[in-house]
Amino acid sequence: MNINDKVNIYENNSSKGIRTRITAGYDLCKLPNGAHYIKNPIFEGENKVVIGGLNYILERINGIRSTSHNLIKWLSESPTNIGLTASSQGITIPNFEVDYPQDHSIFGYCIGIGGVSSSNDGIIEPYNTDYKLRNMIPFRYTNDEVDRTKYFGLKTEAIGGVSKTSYYVKKFHTTPFISNLTKTGVSGLDGNNLTEQIFNEGSSLTETFSQYTLRIEINDIKEYFNAIGDIEATKITEIGLVAGKYIDASNDYTLIKLITSLPIPTENLIYTKDLYMDYRFYME
């Protein structure tokens, strides 16, 4: 795929409710109001909010557990165990407040290589019941020092026969924020911030979303592909937002839960530019 090509992953079949939109490219621009956008995007699409993500929202709002709460696995059982295997049973906590403490929130994202078929000729749509990406890979795999303000989800493992530390989760590139805008009726074109006049007069032509900026840096994931002896295959084909609770003592997150999942076209990371993603979570 040429880096200047633009691919529509899904047709927009969304109606009212919860939906997401992701736009990716190599040029991140900033608006006067502090929002970011991708100039000349190379792909865009809508992704799936998995059941774990839907329950996360509804359980937090209502303060109760869903009927399938204990069936939905966590990505992490402790700050140092990302819990990636399908046999991982997650953790069962009898106290709801322990599940979702006040500082438990969406904080970052994970990536993988299981979003397309083995022949790279089609995407593999995630299931509603997925609690992890199909084939998660670490952002970093090293025993060297890394920027611990960005990389989390630690797991010590031997890839290629050498034991090192993997970092499976990365924090957002910029601080997330929530926008309330007027609708323009044009796909991809934002409206204006809501004013007091609009609230006084009333309007249904509005949209509300949280926005996250993701950054895949040129050094991300290459250590993993080096370890498996296939640096030329460096790529990502799936990405997902995660929520968790930060633990000061270990400088890592625990109770990590997958919120969304998106397969993307094969995107080779052998360029000299960082890849940026504008990730929006709409509620209508």
Protein backbone atom coordinates (compact mmCIF):
# COMPACT_ATOMS: atom_id res chain seq x y z
CA MET A 1 0.00 0.00 0.00
CA ASN A 2 1.31 3.40 -0.93
CA ILE A 3 1.55 5.75 2.06
CA ASN A 4 -0.44 8.35 0.12
CA ASP A 5 -3.33 5.96 -0.60
CA LYS A 6 -6.50 6.40 1.43
CA VAL A 7 -8.55 3.34 2.35
CA ASN A 8 -12.11 3.31 3.67
CA ILE A 9 -12.22 0.34 6.04
CA TYR A 10 -15.95 0.24 6.74
CA GLU A 11 -19.04 1.87 5.38
CA ASN A 12 -20.71 3.99 8.04
CA ASN A 13 -23.76 2.00 9.06
CA SER A 14 -23.98 3.57 12.51
CA SER A 15 -27.14 5.16 13.82
CA LYS A 16 -27.60 6.60 17.27
CA GLY A 17 -25.62 5.27 20.20
CA ILE A 18 -21.93 4.62 20.71
CA ARG A 19 -19.58 4.65 17.75
CA THR A 20 -15.93 5.32 17.07
CA ARG A 21 -13.91 6.76 14.22
CA ILE A 22 -10.21 6.54 13.54
CA THR A 23 -8.14 8.50 11.03
CA ALA A 24 -4.44 7.84 10.49
CA GLY A 25 -1.60 9.50 8.62
CA TYR A 26 1.87 10.95 8.91
CA ASP A 27 1.01 14.64 9.35
CA LEU A 28 -0.45 15.69 12.71
CA CYS A 29 -1.85 19.22 12.79
CA LYS A 30 -3.20 21.27 15.67
CA LEU A 31 -6.22 23.57 15.65
CA PRO A 32 -6.42 26.84 17.64
CA ASN A 33 -8.83 25.21 20.13
CA GLY A 34 -6.22 22.56 20.96
CA ALA A 35 -7.77 19.75 18.96
CA HIS A 36 -5.66 17.70 16.57
CA TYR A 37 -6.41 16.37 13.12
CA ILE A 38 -4.66 14.25 10.51
CA LYS A 39 -3.72 15.97 7.27
CA ASN A 40 -3.84 13.77 4.16
CA PRO A 41 -5.00 10.59 5.97
CA ILE A 42 -3.90 7.23 4.57
CA PHE A 43 -6.82 5.33 6.07
CA GLU A 44 -9.94 5.92 8.11
CA GLY A 45 -12.78 3.84 9.43
CA GLU A 46 -15.04 2.89 12.32
CA ASN A 47 -14.21 0.17 14.79
CA LYS A 48 -15.96 -2.13 17.21
CA VAL A 49 -16.64 -1.32 20.84
CA VAL A 50 -16.36 -4.81 22.33
CA ILE A 51 -18.69 -6.06 25.06
CA GLY A 52 -16.01 -5.36 27.65
CA GLY A 53 -16.01 -1.72 26.54
CA LEU A 54 -19.81 -1.44 26.47
CA ASN A 55 -20.09 -2.98 29.92
CA TYR A 56 -17.32 -0.71 31.17
CA ILE A 57 -19.38 2.36 30.24
CA LEU A 58 -22.73 1.05 31.50
CA GLU A 59 -21.35 -0.42 34.71
CA ARG A 60 -19.52 2.79 35.54
CA ILE A 61 -22.67 4.87 34.90
CA ASN A 62 -25.04 2.64 36.87
CA GLY A 63 -22.73 1.38 39.61
CA ILE A 64 -23.77 -2.25 39.05
CA ARG A 65 -22.34 -5.31 37.33
CA SER A 66 -23.70 -6.77 34.11
CA THR A 67 -24.91 -10.37 33.85
CA SER A 68 -21.68 -11.35 32.07
CA HIS A 69 -19.29 -9.31 34.22
CA ASN A 70 -17.32 -12.29 35.50
CA LEU A 71 -17.07 -13.82 32.02
CA ILE A 72 -15.14 -10.89 30.55
CA LYS A 73 -11.42 -11.39 31.06
CA TRP A 74 -8.89 -8.74 31.96
CA LEU A 75 -5.77 -8.12 29.91
CA SER A 76 -3.78 -7.96 33.12
CA GLU A 77 -3.91 -9.88 36.36
CA SER A 78 -1.20 -7.80 37.99
CA PRO A 79 0.97 -4.81 37.04
CA THR A 80 3.65 -7.18 35.68
CA ASN A 81 1.45 -9.75 33.93
CA ILE A 82 -0.39 -8.51 30.86
CA GLY A 83 -2.27 -11.85 30.76
CA LEU A 84 -2.23 -12.39 27.00
CA THR A 85 -2.95 -16.10 26.72
CA ALA A 86 -6.46 -17.25 25.84
CA SER A 87 -6.41 -19.54 28.90
CA SER A 88 -5.99 -16.59 31.24
CA GLN A 89 -8.94 -16.57 33.61
CA GLY A 90 -8.64 -12.90 34.54
CA ILE A 91 -9.40 -11.97 38.11
CA THR A 92 -12.58 -12.20 40.14
CA ILE A 93 -13.06 -9.40 42.64
CA PRO A 94 -16.11 -9.53 44.92
CA ASN A 95 -16.23 -5.80 45.53
CA PHE A 96 -17.48 -3.65 42.64
CA GLU A 97 -15.64 -0.57 43.90
CA VAL A 98 -12.36 -2.48 43.61
CA ASP A 99 -13.12 -3.29 39.96
CA TYR A 100 -13.51 0.32 38.97
CA PRO A 101 -11.85 2.69 41.41
CA GLN A 102 -12.24 6.38 40.76
CA ASP A 103 -8.93 6.62 38.91
CA HIS A 104 -9.65 3.66 36.60
CA SER A 105 -9.97 5.13 33.10
CA ILE A 106 -9.13 4.81 29.41
CA PHE A 107 -5.45 5.68 29.29
CA GLY A 108 -3.77 4.13 26.25
CA TYR A 109 -3.78 1.57 23.47
CA CYS A 110 -2.37 -1.76 22.35
CA ILE A 111 -1.44 -3.07 18.90
CA GLY A 112 -1.24 -6.40 17.09
CA ILE A 113 -0.73 -8.26 13.83
CA GLY A 114 -3.91 -10.37 13.73
CA GLY A 115 -6.21 -7.91 11.96
CA VAL A 116 -5.80 -9.22 8.41
CA SER A 117 -5.73 -12.65 6.77
CA SER A 118 -2.44 -14.50 6.35
CA SER A 119 -2.40 -13.50 2.68
CA ASN A 120 -3.09 -9.85 3.57
CA ASP A 121 -6.06 -9.81 1.20
CA GLY A 122 -8.77 -8.92 3.71
CA ILE A 123 -9.41 -7.71 7.24
CA ILE A 124 -10.61 -10.00 10.01
CA GLU A 125 -13.49 -8.36 11.85
CA PRO A 126 -13.26 -8.70 15.64
CA TYR A 127 -15.93 -10.49 17.66
CA ASN A 128 -18.11 -8.60 20.13
CA THR A 129 -16.79 -10.92 22.83
CA ASP A 130 -13.07 -10.30 22.21
CA TYR A 131 -11.18 -9.32 25.38
CA LYS A 132 -7.83 -8.94 23.63
CA LEU A 133 -6.55 -8.31 20.14
CA ARG A 134 -6.12 -11.39 17.92
CA ASN A 135 -2.32 -11.31 18.03
CA MET A 136 -0.99 -8.62 20.34
CA ILE A 137 2.66 -7.61 20.06
CA PRO A 138 4.71 -5.31 22.30
CA PHE A 139 5.62 -1.75 21.43
CA ARG A 140 9.05 -2.32 22.94
CA TYR A 141 10.99 -5.51 23.69
CA THR A 142 14.24 -4.64 25.40
CA ASN A 143 16.31 -4.72 28.57
CA ASP A 144 17.47 -1.17 27.89
CA GLU A 145 15.90 1.84 29.56
CA VAL A 146 12.70 3.13 27.94
CA ASP A 147 10.57 6.20 28.56
CA ARG A 148 8.36 4.96 31.41
CA THR A 149 5.99 7.90 31.02
CA LYS A 150 4.84 6.33 27.74
CA TYR A 151 5.27 2.55 27.87
CA PHE A 152 3.30 0.26 30.20
CA GLY A 153 1.81 -3.24 30.34
CA LEU A 154 5.08 -4.90 31.33
CA LYS A 155 5.70 -8.60 30.83
CA THR A 156 9.01 -10.47 31.12
CA GLU A 157 9.22 -13.09 28.39
CA ALA A 158 11.62 -14.79 25.99
CA ILE A 159 10.95 -13.98 22.34
CA GLY A 160 13.52 -15.57 20.07
CA GLY A 161 15.11 -17.33 23.03
CA VAL A 162 16.26 -14.24 24.96
CA SER A 163 14.46 -13.03 28.09
CA LYS A 164 13.62 -9.33 27.98
CA THR A 165 10.90 -6.92 29.10
CA SER A 166 7.96 -6.39 26.79
CA TYR A 167 5.81 -3.23 26.94
CA TYR A 168 2.38 -4.00 25.53
CA VAL A 169 0.55 -0.72 26.20
CA LYS A 170 1.39 2.84 25.23
CA LYS A 171 -0.06 6.01 26.68
CA PHE A 172 -1.80 8.54 24.45
CA HIS A 173 0.42 11.06 22.68
CA THR A 174 -1.66 14.01 23.90
CA THR A 175 -4.07 14.51 26.79
CA PRO A 176 -7.58 13.27 25.83
CA PHE A 177 -10.40 15.77 25.83
CA ILE A 178 -14.17 15.84 25.28
CA SER A 179 -15.78 18.04 22.62
CA ASN A 180 -19.37 19.20 22.12
CA LEU A 181 -19.76 20.58 18.59
CA THR A 182 -22.43 21.55 16.09
CA LYS A 183 -22.95 19.09 13.25
CA THR A 184 -21.86 20.18 9.78
CA GLY A 185 -23.50 17.37 7.84
CA VAL A 186 -20.18 16.76 6.08
CA SER A 187 -18.26 13.60 6.95
CA GLY A 188 -14.91 14.40 8.55
CA LEU A 189 -15.64 18.11 8.95
CA ASP A 190 -16.01 19.39 12.51
CA GLY A 191 -18.46 22.07 13.49
CA ASN A 192 -18.10 24.82 16.08
CA ASN A 193 -18.04 24.62 19.86
CA LEU A 194 -21.49 24.91 21.43
CA THR A 195 -22.38 28.34 22.77
CA GLU A 196 -24.70 29.52 25.52
CA GLN A 197 -27.10 30.71 22.81
CA ILE A 198 -27.37 27.20 21.36
CA PHE A 199 -28.18 25.78 24.79
CA ASN A 200 -30.78 28.51 25.41
CA GLU A 201 -32.47 28.04 22.03
CA GLY A 202 -32.12 24.26 21.93
CA SER A 203 -30.66 22.14 19.15
CA SER A 204 -30.36 18.47 18.20
CA LEU A 205 -27.74 19.14 15.52
CA THR A 206 -24.86 18.44 17.88
CA GLU A 207 -22.26 15.75 18.44
CA THR A 208 -20.26 14.73 21.50
CA PHE A 209 -17.02 12.78 21.44
CA SER A 210 -13.81 12.13 23.32
CA GLN A 211 -10.65 12.45 21.25
CA TYR A 212 -7.36 10.57 21.65
CA THR A 213 -4.15 11.06 19.69
CA LEU A 214 -2.06 7.93 19.15
CA ARG A 215 1.53 7.88 17.93
CA ILE A 216 3.40 4.89 16.54
CA GLU A 217 7.02 5.99 16.63
CA ILE A 218 9.61 4.78 14.15
CA ASN A 219 11.35 2.70 16.84
CA ASP A 220 8.15 1.03 18.09
CA ILE A 221 7.71 -2.74 17.50
CA LYS A 222 10.95 -3.12 15.51
CA GLU A 223 12.65 -4.82 18.49
CA TYR A 224 9.95 -7.49 18.44
CA PHE A 225 10.37 -8.23 14.73
CA ASN A 226 14.13 -8.21 15.18
CA ALA A 227 13.75 -10.83 17.90
CA ILE A 228 11.70 -13.13 15.66
CA GLY A 229 14.20 -12.63 12.82
CA ASP A 230 11.88 -10.86 10.38
CA ILE A 231 12.54 -7.11 10.55
CA GLU A 232 11.28 -6.66 6.97
CA ALA A 233 7.81 -7.75 8.11
CA THR A 234 7.47 -4.89 10.61
CA LYS A 235 3.81 -3.91 10.59
CA ILE A 236 0.62 -3.45 12.60
CA THR A 237 -2.82 -4.64 11.51
CA GLU A 238 -4.97 -4.10 14.61
CA ILE A 239 -5.27 -1.58 17.40
CA GLY A 240 -7.43 -1.14 20.48
CA LEU A 241 -8.04 1.31 23.31
CA VAL A 242 -7.58 0.06 26.88
CA ALA A 243 -8.61 1.19 30.36
CA GLY A 244 -6.77 0.53 33.59
CA LYS A 245 -5.64 1.71 37.01
CA TYR A 246 -2.19 3.17 37.56
CA ILE A 247 -0.07 1.67 40.38
CA ASP A 248 2.54 4.07 41.78
CA ALA A 249 4.69 1.37 43.36
CA SER A 250 5.34 -0.42 40.06
CA ASN A 251 4.89 2.51 37.66
CA ASP A 252 2.48 0.38 35.66
CA TYR A 253 -1.23 -0.22 35.15
CA THR A 254 -3.34 -3.09 36.45
CA LEU A 255 -6.95 -4.19 35.78
CA ILE A 256 -6.30 -3.45 32.11
CA LYS A 257 -9.39 -3.97 29.97
CA LEU A 258 -9.81 -3.86 26.19
CA ILE A 259 -12.43 -1.25 25.23
CA THR A 260 -12.34 -1.19 21.42
CA SER A 261 -10.84 -3.22 18.58
CA LEU A 262 -10.05 -2.18 15.01
CA PRO A 263 -8.43 -4.18 12.19
CA ILE A 264 -6.53 -1.99 9.75
CA PRO A 265 -4.91 -2.53 6.35
CA THR A 266 -1.33 -3.78 6.47
CA GLU A 267 0.73 -0.77 7.41
CA ASN A 268 4.47 -1.29 7.08
CA LEU A 269 6.53 0.72 9.54
CA ILE A 270 9.79 0.94 7.65
CA TYR A 271 9.52 4.65 7.04
CA THR A 272 11.35 7.50 8.69
CA LYS A 273 8.14 9.20 9.85
CA ASP A 274 5.95 8.55 12.87
CA LEU A 275 2.39 7.33 12.26
CA TYR A 276 -0.36 9.34 14.00
CA MET A 277 -3.94 8.30 14.65
CA ASP A 278 -6.90 10.49 15.58
CA TYR A 279 -9.20 8.24 17.59
CA ARG A 280 -12.69 9.48 18.45
CA PHE A 281 -15.32 7.94 20.72
CA TYR A 282 -18.77 9.32 19.83
CA MET A 283 -21.96 9.11 21.94
CA GLU A 284 -25.19 10.28 20.38
